[in-house]
Amino acid sequence: KPRYGAKVLGILPDKTLPEIEQVLAERFVKSQDSYAEEFLASLLERYATDAVLPQILPVVDKRVGRWACAIQAPILAYLLRVNPDIARPRIEASSARRAVA
């Protein structure tokens, strides 16, 4: 479990960290703990490149619109940063599912 999210690690430079993104993505995909997911999502948002998108996308498609905002917002921000075309339908799906709930 990560102990810190991007908010705490904000003192680090704004750049991607490809050397850790694979571990972050693997842990995010396997996580069943919303507290850990929140931190992992924020770290992916800030530091991951599009290299882990294929791992993250199936989880997003399964859970978008159902996550707590603290998880969903950074994951959608990550998608928007690395691939706006992929992000748009997921953001729209998220909004649609939230409107129904």
N, C-alpha and C. Protein backbone atom coordinates (compact mmCIF):
# COMPACT_ATOMS: atom_id res chain seq x y z
N LYS A 1 0.84 -1.19 0.00
CA LYS A 1 0.00 0.00 0.00
C LYS A 1 0.88 1.24 0.00
N PRO A 2 0.61 2.16 -0.89
CA PRO A 2 1.37 3.41 -0.83
C PRO A 2 0.94 4.22 0.39
N ARG A 3 1.88 4.90 0.98
CA ARG A 3 1.57 5.74 2.14
C ARG A 3 1.31 7.18 1.74
N TYR A 4 1.69 7.53 0.53
CA TYR A 4 1.55 8.92 0.09
C TYR A 4 0.99 8.96 -1.32
N GLY A 5 0.22 10.00 -1.59
CA GLY A 5 -0.28 10.25 -2.93
C GLY A 5 0.47 11.42 -3.54
N ALA A 6 0.02 11.84 -4.70
CA ALA A 6 0.67 12.94 -5.41
C ALA A 6 0.59 14.25 -4.64
N LYS A 7 -0.45 14.41 -3.83
CA LYS A 7 -0.59 15.65 -3.06
C LYS A 7 0.60 15.83 -2.11
N VAL A 8 0.99 14.78 -1.43
CA VAL A 8 2.12 14.85 -0.50
C VAL A 8 3.44 14.90 -1.26
N LEU A 9 3.51 14.20 -2.36
CA LEU A 9 4.75 14.14 -3.13
C LEU A 9 4.88 15.32 -4.10
N GLY A 10 4.06 16.32 -3.93
CA GLY A 10 4.06 17.49 -4.81
C GLY A 10 5.37 18.25 -4.85
N ILE A 11 6.27 17.97 -3.93
CA ILE A 11 7.56 18.66 -3.94
C ILE A 11 8.48 18.10 -5.03
N LEU A 12 8.13 16.94 -5.57
CA LEU A 12 8.95 16.37 -6.64
C LEU A 12 8.69 17.12 -7.95
N PRO A 13 9.64 17.08 -8.85
CA PRO A 13 9.45 17.77 -10.14
C PRO A 13 8.27 17.19 -10.92
N ASP A 14 7.63 18.04 -11.70
CA ASP A 14 6.52 17.59 -12.55
C ASP A 14 7.09 16.93 -13.79
N LYS A 15 7.32 15.65 -13.69
CA LYS A 15 7.76 14.88 -14.85
C LYS A 15 7.28 13.46 -14.67
N THR A 16 7.26 12.72 -15.74
CA THR A 16 6.87 11.32 -15.63
C THR A 16 8.01 10.53 -15.01
N LEU A 17 7.65 9.42 -14.42
CA LEU A 17 8.63 8.53 -13.80
C LEU A 17 8.43 7.12 -14.36
N PRO A 18 8.89 6.89 -15.59
CA PRO A 18 8.67 5.59 -16.21
C PRO A 18 9.23 4.42 -15.41
N GLU A 19 10.23 4.69 -14.59
CA GLU A 19 10.84 3.59 -13.83
C GLU A 19 9.91 3.03 -12.74
N ILE A 20 8.87 3.75 -12.36
CA ILE A 20 7.96 3.23 -11.35
C ILE A 20 6.53 3.02 -11.86
N GLU A 21 6.24 3.47 -13.07
CA GLU A 21 4.86 3.42 -13.54
C GLU A 21 4.32 2.00 -13.67
N GLN A 22 5.16 1.06 -14.03
CA GLN A 22 4.71 -0.33 -14.17
C GLN A 22 4.25 -0.89 -12.83
N VAL A 23 5.00 -0.62 -11.79
CA VAL A 23 4.62 -1.08 -10.44
C VAL A 23 3.33 -0.41 -10.00
N LEU A 24 3.21 0.89 -10.24
CA LEU A 24 1.99 1.60 -9.87
C LEU A 24 0.78 1.01 -10.59
N ALA A 25 0.92 0.77 -11.88
CA ALA A 25 -0.19 0.22 -12.67
C ALA A 25 -0.57 -1.18 -12.19
N GLU A 26 0.42 -2.02 -11.95
CA GLU A 26 0.13 -3.38 -11.48
C GLU A 26 -0.61 -3.35 -10.15
N ARG A 27 -0.17 -2.52 -9.24
CA ARG A 27 -0.81 -2.45 -7.94
C ARG A 27 -2.21 -1.85 -8.04
N PHE A 28 -2.37 -0.86 -8.91
CA PHE A 28 -3.70 -0.26 -9.10
C PHE A 28 -4.68 -1.30 -9.63
N VAL A 29 -4.26 -2.04 -10.63
CA VAL A 29 -5.13 -3.05 -11.26
C VAL A 29 -5.52 -4.13 -10.25
N LYS A 30 -4.62 -4.52 -9.37
CA LYS A 30 -4.88 -5.60 -8.41
C LYS A 30 -5.54 -5.12 -7.11
N SER A 31 -5.53 -3.85 -6.87
CA SER A 31 -5.98 -3.32 -5.58
C SER A 31 -7.47 -3.57 -5.33
N GLN A 32 -7.76 -3.93 -4.11
CA GLN A 32 -9.13 -4.08 -3.63
C GLN A 32 -9.39 -3.12 -2.46
N ASP A 33 -8.47 -2.21 -2.25
CA ASP A 33 -8.50 -1.29 -1.12
C ASP A 33 -8.67 0.14 -1.65
N SER A 34 -9.79 0.76 -1.35
CA SER A 34 -10.06 2.10 -1.90
C SER A 34 -9.05 3.14 -1.42
N TYR A 35 -8.54 2.97 -0.23
CA TYR A 35 -7.52 3.89 0.29
C TYR A 35 -6.26 3.81 -0.58
N ALA A 36 -5.82 2.59 -0.87
CA ALA A 36 -4.65 2.40 -1.73
C ALA A 36 -4.94 2.87 -3.15
N GLU A 37 -6.12 2.56 -3.65
CA GLU A 37 -6.50 2.97 -5.01
C GLU A 37 -6.44 4.49 -5.17
N GLU A 38 -6.86 5.20 -4.14
CA GLU A 38 -6.83 6.66 -4.19
C GLU A 38 -5.40 7.17 -4.38
N PHE A 39 -4.47 6.65 -3.59
CA PHE A 39 -3.08 7.09 -3.72
C PHE A 39 -2.47 6.63 -5.04
N LEU A 40 -2.74 5.40 -5.43
CA LEU A 40 -2.19 4.89 -6.69
C LEU A 40 -2.74 5.69 -7.88
N ALA A 41 -4.02 6.01 -7.86
CA ALA A 41 -4.61 6.80 -8.94
C ALA A 41 -3.95 8.17 -9.04
N SER A 42 -3.71 8.79 -7.90
CA SER A 42 -3.08 10.12 -7.93
C SER A 42 -1.65 10.05 -8.43
N LEU A 43 -0.95 8.97 -8.09
CA LEU A 43 0.43 8.82 -8.56
C LEU A 43 0.46 8.50 -10.05
N LEU A 44 -0.47 7.70 -10.52
CA LEU A 44 -0.57 7.44 -11.96
C LEU A 44 -0.88 8.73 -12.72
N GLU A 45 -1.81 9.50 -12.18
CA GLU A 45 -2.17 10.76 -12.83
C GLU A 45 -0.94 11.64 -13.03
N ARG A 46 -0.16 11.75 -12.03
CA ARG A 46 0.97 12.68 -12.08
C ARG A 46 2.20 12.14 -12.79
N TYR A 47 2.51 10.86 -12.63
CA TYR A 47 3.81 10.36 -13.06
C TYR A 47 3.81 9.33 -14.17
N ALA A 48 2.67 8.72 -14.52
CA ALA A 48 2.66 7.65 -15.52
C ALA A 48 2.57 8.20 -16.94
N THR A 49 3.14 7.45 -17.85
CA THR A 49 3.05 7.75 -19.28
C THR A 49 1.94 6.87 -19.88
N ASP A 50 1.78 6.96 -21.18
CA ASP A 50 0.77 6.14 -21.86
C ASP A 50 1.19 4.68 -21.97
N ALA A 51 2.40 4.34 -21.54
CA ALA A 51 2.87 2.96 -21.63
C ALA A 51 2.03 2.00 -20.80
N VAL A 52 1.45 2.49 -19.70
CA VAL A 52 0.63 1.60 -18.85
C VAL A 52 -0.86 1.70 -19.17
N LEU A 53 -1.21 2.49 -20.14
CA LEU A 53 -2.62 2.65 -20.52
C LEU A 53 -3.31 1.32 -20.82
N PRO A 54 -2.68 0.40 -21.56
CA PRO A 54 -3.34 -0.88 -21.82
C PRO A 54 -3.69 -1.67 -20.55
N GLN A 55 -2.91 -1.51 -19.50
CA GLN A 55 -3.20 -2.18 -18.23
C GLN A 55 -4.34 -1.50 -17.49
N ILE A 56 -4.35 -0.18 -17.51
CA ILE A 56 -5.30 0.61 -16.73
C ILE A 56 -6.68 0.62 -17.37
N LEU A 57 -6.74 0.68 -18.68
CA LEU A 57 -8.00 0.88 -19.39
C LEU A 57 -9.08 -0.16 -19.08
N PRO A 58 -8.78 -1.45 -19.03
CA PRO A 58 -9.85 -2.41 -18.70
C PRO A 58 -10.46 -2.17 -17.32
N VAL A 59 -9.64 -1.76 -16.36
CA VAL A 59 -10.14 -1.48 -15.02
C VAL A 59 -11.03 -0.23 -15.05
N VAL A 60 -10.59 0.78 -15.79
CA VAL A 60 -11.38 2.01 -15.92
C VAL A 60 -12.73 1.68 -16.55
N ASP A 61 -12.71 0.92 -17.63
CA ASP A 61 -13.96 0.60 -18.31
C ASP A 61 -14.92 -0.19 -17.42
N LYS A 62 -14.39 -1.00 -16.54
CA LYS A 62 -15.23 -1.78 -15.64
C LYS A 62 -15.79 -0.94 -14.50
N ARG A 63 -15.03 0.07 -14.04
CA ARG A 63 -15.41 0.76 -12.80
C ARG A 63 -15.76 2.24 -12.96
N VAL A 64 -15.60 2.79 -14.15
CA VAL A 64 -15.88 4.22 -14.33
C VAL A 64 -17.33 4.51 -13.95
N GLY A 65 -17.50 5.58 -13.22
CA GLY A 65 -18.83 5.95 -12.76
C GLY A 65 -19.25 5.29 -11.46
N ARG A 66 -18.43 4.37 -10.99
CA ARG A 66 -18.74 3.65 -9.75
C ARG A 66 -17.72 3.92 -8.65
N TRP A 67 -16.57 4.44 -9.03
CA TRP A 67 -15.53 4.76 -8.06
C TRP A 67 -15.91 5.98 -7.23
N ALA A 68 -15.28 6.10 -6.09
CA ALA A 68 -15.35 7.34 -5.32
C ALA A 68 -14.63 8.41 -6.13
N CYS A 69 -15.03 9.64 -5.96
CA CYS A 69 -14.43 10.76 -6.71
C CYS A 69 -12.92 10.84 -6.53
N ALA A 70 -12.44 10.50 -5.33
CA ALA A 70 -11.01 10.59 -5.05
C ALA A 70 -10.18 9.60 -5.87
N ILE A 71 -10.81 8.59 -6.40
CA ILE A 71 -10.13 7.62 -7.27
C ILE A 71 -10.41 7.97 -8.73
N GLN A 72 -11.67 8.21 -9.02
CA GLN A 72 -12.08 8.42 -10.41
C GLN A 72 -11.49 9.69 -11.02
N ALA A 73 -11.49 10.77 -10.29
CA ALA A 73 -10.99 12.04 -10.84
C ALA A 73 -9.54 11.95 -11.30
N PRO A 74 -8.62 11.41 -10.50
CA PRO A 74 -7.24 11.34 -10.98
C PRO A 74 -7.06 10.34 -12.12
N ILE A 75 -7.81 9.25 -12.11
CA ILE A 75 -7.66 8.29 -13.21
C ILE A 75 -8.16 8.90 -14.52
N LEU A 76 -9.28 9.61 -14.47
CA LEU A 76 -9.76 10.28 -15.68
C LEU A 76 -8.81 11.39 -16.10
N ALA A 77 -8.21 12.07 -15.16
CA ALA A 77 -7.21 13.10 -15.48
C ALA A 77 -5.99 12.47 -16.15
N TYR A 78 -5.59 11.31 -15.66
CA TYR A 78 -4.48 10.58 -16.30
C TYR A 78 -4.83 10.27 -17.75
N LEU A 79 -6.01 9.71 -17.97
CA LEU A 79 -6.43 9.40 -19.35
C LEU A 79 -6.44 10.64 -20.22
N LEU A 80 -6.96 11.71 -19.68
CA LEU A 80 -7.04 12.96 -20.43
C LEU A 80 -5.65 13.48 -20.81
N ARG A 81 -4.71 13.32 -19.89
CA ARG A 81 -3.34 13.78 -20.16
C ARG A 81 -2.64 12.93 -21.22
N VAL A 82 -2.79 11.60 -21.12
CA VAL A 82 -2.02 10.74 -22.02
C VAL A 82 -2.72 10.44 -23.34
N ASN A 83 -4.07 10.52 -23.35
CA ASN A 83 -4.79 10.24 -24.60
C ASN A 83 -6.20 10.83 -24.53
N PRO A 84 -6.34 12.10 -24.90
CA PRO A 84 -7.64 12.77 -24.82
C PRO A 84 -8.75 12.06 -25.60
N ASP A 85 -8.42 11.43 -26.71
CA ASP A 85 -9.45 10.75 -27.50
C ASP A 85 -10.03 9.56 -26.75
N ILE A 86 -9.21 8.85 -26.02
CA ILE A 86 -9.68 7.72 -25.22
C ILE A 86 -10.42 8.22 -23.98
N ALA A 87 -9.98 9.34 -23.45
CA ALA A 87 -10.57 9.87 -22.21
C ALA A 87 -12.00 10.34 -22.40
N ARG A 88 -12.28 10.99 -23.49
CA ARG A 88 -13.60 11.63 -23.67
C ARG A 88 -14.79 10.70 -23.45
N PRO A 89 -14.86 9.53 -24.12
CA PRO A 89 -16.04 8.68 -23.89
C PRO A 89 -16.14 8.16 -22.46
N ARG A 90 -15.00 8.00 -21.80
CA ARG A 90 -15.03 7.52 -20.42
C ARG A 90 -15.48 8.61 -19.46
N ILE A 91 -15.10 9.84 -19.73
CA ILE A 91 -15.58 10.97 -18.93
C ILE A 91 -17.09 11.12 -19.12
N GLU A 92 -17.54 11.00 -20.35
CA GLU A 92 -18.98 11.08 -20.63
C GLU A 92 -19.74 9.93 -19.95
N ALA A 93 -19.18 8.73 -19.99
CA ALA A 93 -19.82 7.58 -19.34
C ALA A 93 -19.88 7.79 -17.83
N SER A 94 -18.82 8.34 -17.28
CA SER A 94 -18.79 8.63 -15.85
C SER A 94 -19.88 9.60 -15.47
N SER A 95 -20.02 10.66 -16.23
CA SER A 95 -21.05 11.66 -15.95
C SER A 95 -22.45 11.07 -16.09
N ALA A 96 -22.65 10.25 -17.09
CA ALA A 96 -23.95 9.63 -17.31
C ALA A 96 -24.31 8.68 -16.16
N ARG A 97 -23.36 7.91 -15.71
CA ARG A 97 -23.63 6.96 -14.62
C ARG A 97 -23.88 7.69 -13.32
N ARG A 98 -23.17 8.79 -13.09
CA ARG A 98 -23.36 9.56 -11.86
C ARG A 98 -24.74 10.23 -11.87
N ALA A 99 -25.19 10.65 -13.04
CA ALA A 99 -26.48 11.33 -13.14
C ALA A 99 -27.64 10.39 -12.81
N VAL A 100 -27.45 9.11 -13.11
CA VAL A 100 -28.47 8.10 -12.86
C VAL A 100 -28.50 7.73 -11.38
N ALA A 101 -27.35 7.72 -10.75
CA ALA A 101 -27.24 7.27 -9.34
C ALA A 101 -27.90 8.20 -8.38
